[in-house]
C-alpha atoms as a PDB file:
ATOM      1  CA  UNK A   1    -132.662-101.047-192.916  1.00  0.00           C
ATOM      2  CA  UNK A   2    -132.999-104.805-192.351  1.00  0.00           C
ATOM      3  CA  UNK A   3    -135.130-106.267-189.559  1.00  0.00           C
ATOM      4  CA  UNK A   4    -131.624-107.177-187.547  1.00  0.00           C
ATOM      5  CA  UNK A   5    -130.642-103.316-187.794  1.00  0.00           C
ATOM      6  CA  UNK A   6    -134.019-102.413-186.566  1.00  0.00           C
ATOM      7  CA  UNK A   7    -133.937-104.813-183.480  1.00  0.00           C
ATOM      8  CA  UNK A   8    -130.151-103.842-182.784  1.00  0.00           C
ATOM      9  CA  UNK A   9    -131.071-100.195-182.865  1.00  0.00           C
ATOM     10  CA  UNK A  10    -134.183-100.509-180.734  1.00  0.00           C
ATOM     11  CA  UNK A  11    -132.067-102.613-177.918  1.00  0.00           C
ATOM     12  CA  UNK A  12    -129.310-100.227-178.253  1.00  0.00           C
ATOM     13  CA  UNK A  13    -131.662 -97.337-177.684  1.00  0.00           C
ATOM     14  CA  UNK A  14    -133.438 -99.298-174.604  1.00  0.00           C
ATOM     15  CA  UNK A  15    -130.137-100.029-173.016  1.00  0.00           C
ATOM     16  CA  UNK A  16    -129.001 -96.415-173.303  1.00  0.00           C
ATOM     17  CA  UNK A  17    -132.162 -95.202-171.519  1.00  0.00           C
ATOM     18  CA  UNK A  18    -131.831 -97.784-168.984  1.00  0.00           C
ATOM     19  CA  UNK A  19    -128.189 -97.073-168.118  1.00  0.00           C
ATOM     20  CA  UNK A  20    -128.573 -93.427-168.078  1.00  0.00           C
ATOM     21  CA  UNK A  21    -131.731 -93.804-165.879  1.00  0.00           C
ATOM     22  CA  UNK A  22    -129.863 -96.319-163.306  1.00  0.00           C
ATOM     23  CA  UNK A  23    -126.964 -93.904-162.768  1.00  0.00           C
ATOM     24  CA  UNK A  24    -126.328 -93.441-159.055  1.00  0.00           C
ATOM     25  CA  UNK A  25    -125.701 -89.740-159.396  1.00  0.00           C
ATOM     26  CA  UNK A  26    -128.591 -89.003-161.836  1.00  0.00           C
ATOM     27  CA  UNK A  27    -131.351 -86.837-160.455  1.00  0.00           C
ATOM     28  CA  UNK A  28    -131.897 -83.292-158.788  1.00  0.00           C
ATOM     29  CA  UNK A  29    -129.197 -81.183-157.293  1.00  0.00           C
ATOM     30  CA  UNK A  30    -128.660 -82.053-153.410  1.00  0.00           C
ATOM     31  CA  UNK A  31    -126.888 -80.719-150.583  1.00  0.00           C
ATOM     32  CA  UNK A  32    -125.383 -82.505-147.670  1.00  0.00           C
ATOM     33  CA  UNK A  33    -127.395 -82.095-144.456  1.00  0.00           C
ATOM     34  CA  UNK A  34    -126.564 -83.323-140.972  1.00  0.00           C
ATOM     35  CA  UNK A  35    -127.520 -82.133-137.451  1.00  0.00           C
ATOM     36  CA  UNK A  36    -128.642 -82.929-134.002  1.00  0.00           C
ATOM     37  CA  UNK A  37    -132.050 -83.287-132.438  1.00  0.00           C
ATOM     38  CA  UNK A  38    -132.522 -82.511-128.874  1.00  0.00           C
ATOM     39  CA  UNK A  39    -135.246 -82.697-126.503  1.00  0.00           C
ATOM     40  CA  UNK A  40    -135.195 -80.527-123.301  1.00  0.00           C
ATOM     41  CA  UNK A  41    -131.350 -80.433-123.839  1.00  0.00           C
ATOM     42  CA  UNK A  42    -131.023 -84.211-124.150  1.00  0.00           C
ATOM     43  CA  UNK A  43    -130.161 -86.060-127.433  1.00  0.00           C
ATOM     44  CA  UNK A  44    -133.145 -87.757-128.956  1.00  0.00           C
ATOM     45  CA  UNK A  45    -132.209 -91.094-129.608  1.00  0.00           C
ATOM     46  CA  UNK A  46    -133.621 -93.444-132.122  1.00  0.00           C
ATOM     47  CA  UNK A  47    -135.981 -91.038-133.948  1.00  0.00           C
ATOM     48  CA  UNK A  48    -136.664 -90.937-137.501  1.00  0.00           C
ATOM     49  CA  UNK A  49    -136.551 -87.663-139.554  1.00  0.00           C
ATOM     50  CA  UNK A  50    -137.852 -86.611-143.143  1.00  0.00           C
ATOM     51  CA  UNK A  51    -137.269 -83.646-144.949  1.00  0.00           C
ATOM     52  CA  UNK A  52    -139.988 -83.126-147.454  1.00  0.00           C
ATOM     53  CA  UNK A  53    -139.397 -80.407-150.135  1.00  0.00           C
ATOM     54  CA  UNK A  54    -142.200 -78.345-151.558  1.00  0.00           C
ATOM     55  CA  UNK A  55    -141.770 -80.173-154.904  1.00  0.00           C
ATOM     56  CA  UNK A  56    -139.880 -83.359-155.266  1.00  0.00           C
ATOM     57  CA  UNK A  57    -138.806 -86.380-153.395  1.00  0.00           C
ATOM     58  CA  UNK A  58    -138.105 -86.481-149.607  1.00  0.00           C
ATOM     59  CA  UNK A  59    -134.957 -87.242-147.841  1.00  0.00           C
ATOM     60  CA  UNK A  60    -134.633 -89.408-144.417  1.00  0.00           C
ATOM     61  CA  UNK A  61    -132.311 -90.421-141.776  1.00  0.00           C
ATOM     62  CA  UNK A  62    -132.408 -91.678-138.309  1.00  0.00           C
ATOM     63  CA  UNK A  63    -130.708 -90.374-135.016  1.00  0.00           C
ATOM     64  CA  UNK A  64    -127.614 -92.129-133.361  1.00  0.00           C
ATOM     65  CA  UNK A  65    -126.912 -92.292-129.399  1.00  0.00           C
ATOM     66  CA  UNK A  66    -125.920 -88.911-129.400  1.00  0.00           C
ATOM     67  CA  UNK A  67    -129.150 -87.390-131.384  1.00  0.00           C
ATOM     68  CA  UNK A  68    -127.097 -86.942-134.525  1.00  0.00           C
ATOM     69  CA  UNK A  69    -128.571 -87.688-137.963  1.00  0.00           C
ATOM     70  CA  UNK A  70    -127.539 -87.369-141.635  1.00  0.00           C
ATOM     71  CA  UNK A  71    -130.001 -87.309-144.458  1.00  0.00           C
ATOM     72  CA  UNK A  72    -130.078 -89.536-147.326  1.00  0.00           C
ATOM     73  CA  UNK A  73    -132.106 -88.947-150.621  1.00  0.00           C
ATOM     74  CA  UNK A  74    -132.009 -92.428-151.759  1.00  0.00           C
ATOM     75  CA  UNK A  75    -129.895 -95.642-151.389  1.00  0.00           C
ATOM     76  CA  UNK A  76    -127.138 -94.449-153.623  1.00  0.00           C
ATOM     77  CA  UNK A  77    -127.203 -90.476-152.726  1.00  0.00           C
ATOM     78  CA  UNK A  78    -126.741 -88.550-149.454  1.00  0.00           C
ATOM     79  CA  UNK A  79    -128.488 -85.198-148.851  1.00  0.00           C
ATOM     80  CA  UNK A  80    -131.571 -83.068-149.681  1.00  0.00           C
ATOM     81  CA  UNK A  81    -132.805 -81.372-152.625  1.00  0.00           C
ATOM     82  CA  UNK A  82    -132.516 -77.484-152.260  1.00  0.00           C
ATOM     83  CA  UNK A  83    -135.033 -75.152-150.892  1.00  0.00           C
ATOM     84  CA  UNK A  84    -137.684 -75.153-148.472  1.00  0.00           C
ATOM     85  CA  UNK A  85    -138.519 -78.306-146.428  1.00  0.00           C
ATOM     86  CA  UNK A  86    -141.264 -79.396-144.129  1.00  0.00           C
ATOM     87  CA  UNK A  87    -139.578 -81.554-141.347  1.00  0.00           C
ATOM     88  CA  UNK A  88    -141.103 -84.377-139.632  1.00  0.00           C
ATOM     89  CA  UNK A  89    -139.622 -86.002-136.570  1.00  0.00           C
ATOM     90  CA  UNK A  90    -140.960 -89.231-135.249  1.00  0.00           C
ATOM     91  CA  UNK A  91    -139.551 -91.234-132.213  1.00  0.00           C
ATOM     92  CA  UNK A  92    -139.179 -95.022-133.189  1.00  0.00           C
ATOM     93  CA  UNK A  93    -141.179 -97.609-131.407  1.00  0.00           C
ATOM     94  CA  UNK A  94    -139.143 -98.986-128.700  1.00  0.00           C
ATOM     95  CA  UNK A  95    -138.211-102.796-128.578  1.00  0.00           C
ATOM     96  CA  UNK A  96    -140.487-104.607-126.507  1.00  0.00           C
ATOM     97  CA  UNK A  97    -140.505-108.042-124.891  1.00  0.00           C
ATOM     98  CA  UNK A  98    -143.126-111.118-125.878  1.00  0.00           C
ATOM     99  CA  UNK A  99    -146.167-109.164-124.037  1.00  0.00           C
ATOM    100  CA  UNK A 100    -145.350-105.944-125.981  1.00  0.00           C
ATOM    101  CA  UNK A 101    -144.014-104.032-123.093  1.00  0.00           C
ATOM    102  CA  UNK A 102    -140.904-101.850-123.574  1.00  0.00           C
ATOM    103  CA  UNK A 103    -137.502-103.649-122.312  1.00  0.00           C
ATOM    104  CA  UNK A 104    -136.334-102.570-118.932  1.00  0.00           C
ATOM    105  CA  UNK A 105    -133.974 -99.376-119.526  1.00  0.00           C
ATOM    106  CA  UNK A 106    -135.665 -98.417-122.574  1.00  0.00           C
ATOM    107  CA  UNK A 107    -137.389 -95.098-122.441  1.00  0.00           C
ATOM    108  CA  UNK A 108    -140.672 -94.347-124.360  1.00  0.00           C
ATOM    109  CA  UNK A 109    -140.364 -90.753-125.771  1.00  0.00           C
ATOM    110  CA  UNK A 110    -143.196 -88.822-127.345  1.00  0.00           C
ATOM    111  CA  UNK A 111    -142.861 -85.499-129.059  1.00  0.00           C
ATOM    112  CA  UNK A 112    -145.086 -82.674-127.907  1.00  0.00           C
ATOM    113  CA  UNK A 113    -147.943 -82.199-130.343  1.00  0.00           C
ATOM    114  CA  UNK A 114    -146.799 -78.799-131.250  1.00  0.00           C
ATOM    115  CA  UNK A 115    -143.938 -80.601-133.285  1.00  0.00           C
ATOM    116  CA  UNK A 116    -146.020 -83.062-135.055  1.00  0.00           C
ATOM    117  CA  UNK A 117    -148.394 -80.613-136.678  1.00  0.00           C
ATOM    118  CA  UNK A 118    -147.766 -80.137-140.263  1.00  0.00           C
ATOM    119  CA  UNK A 119    -145.502 -77.143-141.089  1.00  0.00           C
ATOM    120  CA  UNK A 120    -144.299 -76.842-137.389  1.00  0.00           C
ATOM    121  CA  UNK A 121    -140.816 -77.586-138.463  1.00  0.00           C
ATOM    122  CA  UNK A 122    -139.322 -76.014-141.763  1.00  0.00           C
ATOM    123  CA  UNK A 123    -135.769 -75.847-142.835  1.00  0.00           C
ATOM    124  CA  UNK A 124    -134.027 -74.191-145.934  1.00  0.00           C
ATOM    125  CA  UNK A 125    -131.497 -76.385-147.636  1.00  0.00           C
ATOM    126  CA  UNK A 126    -128.888 -74.262-149.812  1.00  0.00           C
ATOM    127  CA  UNK A 127    -125.848 -75.604-151.761  1.00  0.00           C
ATOM    128  CA  UNK A 128    -123.025 -77.060-149.865  1.00  0.00           C
ATOM    129  CA  UNK A 129    -123.000 -78.476-146.438  1.00  0.00           C
ATOM    130  CA  UNK A 130    -126.047 -77.661-144.142  1.00  0.00           C
ATOM    131  CA  UNK A 131    -126.221 -78.254-140.514  1.00  0.00           C
ATOM    132  CA  UNK A 132    -129.674 -78.122-139.230  1.00  0.00           C
ATOM    133  CA  UNK A 133    -130.212 -78.719-135.450  1.00  0.00           C
ATOM    134  CA  UNK A 134    -133.584 -78.978-133.626  1.00  0.00           C
ATOM    135  CA  UNK A 135    -133.550 -78.014-129.832  1.00  0.00           C
ATOM    136  CA  UNK A 136    -137.235 -79.128-129.213  1.00  0.00           C
ATOM    137  CA  UNK A 137    -138.812 -78.415-125.462  1.00  0.00           C
ATOM    138  CA  UNK A 138    -141.555 -80.408-124.014  1.00  0.00           C
ATOM    139  CA  UNK A 139    -143.384 -77.471-122.530  1.00  0.00           C
END
């Protein structure tokens, strides 16, 4: 083989590896996950949620005004890996004024400690669509 052929083969192999690795649908099998988070019967707005599998990468989402969320695995793929997940829910920091005080009308929400302990919330994700709702209570 000539030196040109060796270089061409090496570059072609690298491009193949990079193009396969950068595909938007590459990776583990995922399933769609949506749901609602409520605290004392009211939608929990402006909260972050993470589903952390026993092995693999976590999925994440955030709640809307009505407490609904949809999980994303990465910027190109929605859903979560199949299997058992530890779930973490965390209210977002409220918007504040220049002095650091919450803006008027903004409610500061704190989750009860029983929900912030590792393993307190668990979800099983199965193939297909999954609806995983959380009805949390403050007492």
